[in-house]
């Protein structure tokens, strides 16, 4: 449970960083195509939101795992 929580948090942070890096490329594509979003890739902002949702889910799983998994099971 703890490992799953850590993996979710790491994946969510990668998703958030990717969306932040893609934002500038998306904005320049929109500017170069005179606002025609159909010619550009999908907007990175929804992935930014999905990343934060995954962060919250990963944190919840991690807290649940730390709270309810006994230390004897971790040895």
Protein backbone atom coordinates (compact mmCIF):
# COMPACT_ATOMS: atom_id res chain seq x y z
CA UNK A 1 0.00 0.00 0.00
CA UNK A 2 2.83 2.34 0.86
CA UNK A 3 4.69 1.56 -2.37
CA UNK A 4 1.52 2.20 -4.41
CA UNK A 5 1.07 5.59 -2.72
CA UNK A 6 4.66 6.56 -3.46
CA UNK A 7 4.32 5.46 -7.09
CA UNK A 8 1.11 7.47 -7.51
CA UNK A 9 2.74 10.60 -6.11
CA UNK A 10 5.84 10.23 -8.31
CA UNK A 11 3.75 9.61 -11.45
CA UNK A 12 1.58 12.62 -10.65
CA UNK A 13 4.60 14.87 -10.26
CA UNK A 14 5.98 13.69 -13.61
CA UNK A 15 2.60 14.46 -15.19
CA UNK A 16 2.55 17.94 -13.64
CA UNK A 17 6.11 18.72 -14.77
CA UNK A 18 5.35 17.48 -18.29
CA UNK A 19 2.28 19.72 -18.48
CA UNK A 20 4.33 22.71 -17.33
CA UNK A 21 7.00 22.06 -19.98
CA UNK A 22 4.36 21.54 -22.68
CA UNK A 23 2.55 24.78 -21.82
CA UNK A 24 5.11 27.04 -23.52
CA UNK A 25 5.17 24.89 -26.67
CA UNK A 26 1.37 24.92 -26.77
CA UNK A 27 1.23 28.71 -26.36
CA UNK A 28 3.77 29.27 -29.13
CA UNK A 29 1.85 26.89 -31.42
CA UNK A 30 -1.36 28.84 -30.77
CA UNK A 31 0.45 32.13 -31.45
CA UNK A 32 2.04 30.86 -34.68
CA UNK A 33 -1.25 29.46 -35.99
CA UNK A 34 -3.24 32.60 -35.17
CA UNK A 35 -5.25 30.98 -32.39
CA UNK A 36 -6.20 27.82 -34.28
CA UNK A 37 -6.03 25.21 -31.51
CA UNK A 38 -7.02 22.39 -33.87
CA UNK A 39 -3.53 22.45 -35.41
CA UNK A 40 -1.81 22.11 -32.04
CA UNK A 41 -1.61 19.21 -29.61
CA UNK A 42 -4.09 18.95 -26.77
CA UNK A 43 -3.94 21.65 -24.12
CA UNK A 44 -1.65 20.72 -21.23
CA UNK A 45 -3.80 22.34 -18.52
CA UNK A 46 -6.13 19.33 -18.01
CA UNK A 47 -3.07 17.14 -17.46
CA UNK A 48 -1.93 19.62 -14.81
CA UNK A 49 -5.27 19.16 -13.02
CA UNK A 50 -5.13 15.37 -13.44
CA UNK A 51 -1.67 15.44 -11.90
CA UNK A 52 -2.91 17.22 -8.80
CA UNK A 53 -5.83 14.81 -8.48
CA UNK A 54 -3.36 11.92 -8.68
CA UNK A 55 -1.20 13.64 -6.06
CA UNK A 56 -4.13 13.82 -3.67
CA UNK A 57 -5.04 10.19 -4.35
CA UNK A 58 -1.45 9.06 -3.87
CA UNK A 59 -1.16 10.99 -0.63
CA UNK A 60 -4.40 9.45 0.64
CA UNK A 61 -3.20 5.93 -0.22
CA UNK A 62 0.17 6.65 1.38
CA UNK A 63 -1.41 7.97 4.58
CA UNK A 64 -3.79 5.02 4.70
CA UNK A 65 -0.90 2.64 4.21
CA UNK A 66 1.20 4.29 6.89
CA UNK A 67 -1.67 4.44 9.33
CA UNK A 68 -3.13 0.95 8.95
CA UNK A 69 -0.20 -1.25 7.96
CA UNK A 70 1.52 -2.47 11.09
CA UNK A 71 5.25 -2.05 11.42
CA UNK A 72 5.59 -5.80 11.88
CA UNK A 73 4.36 -6.31 8.31
CA UNK A 74 7.04 -3.98 6.96
CA UNK A 75 9.95 -6.08 8.31
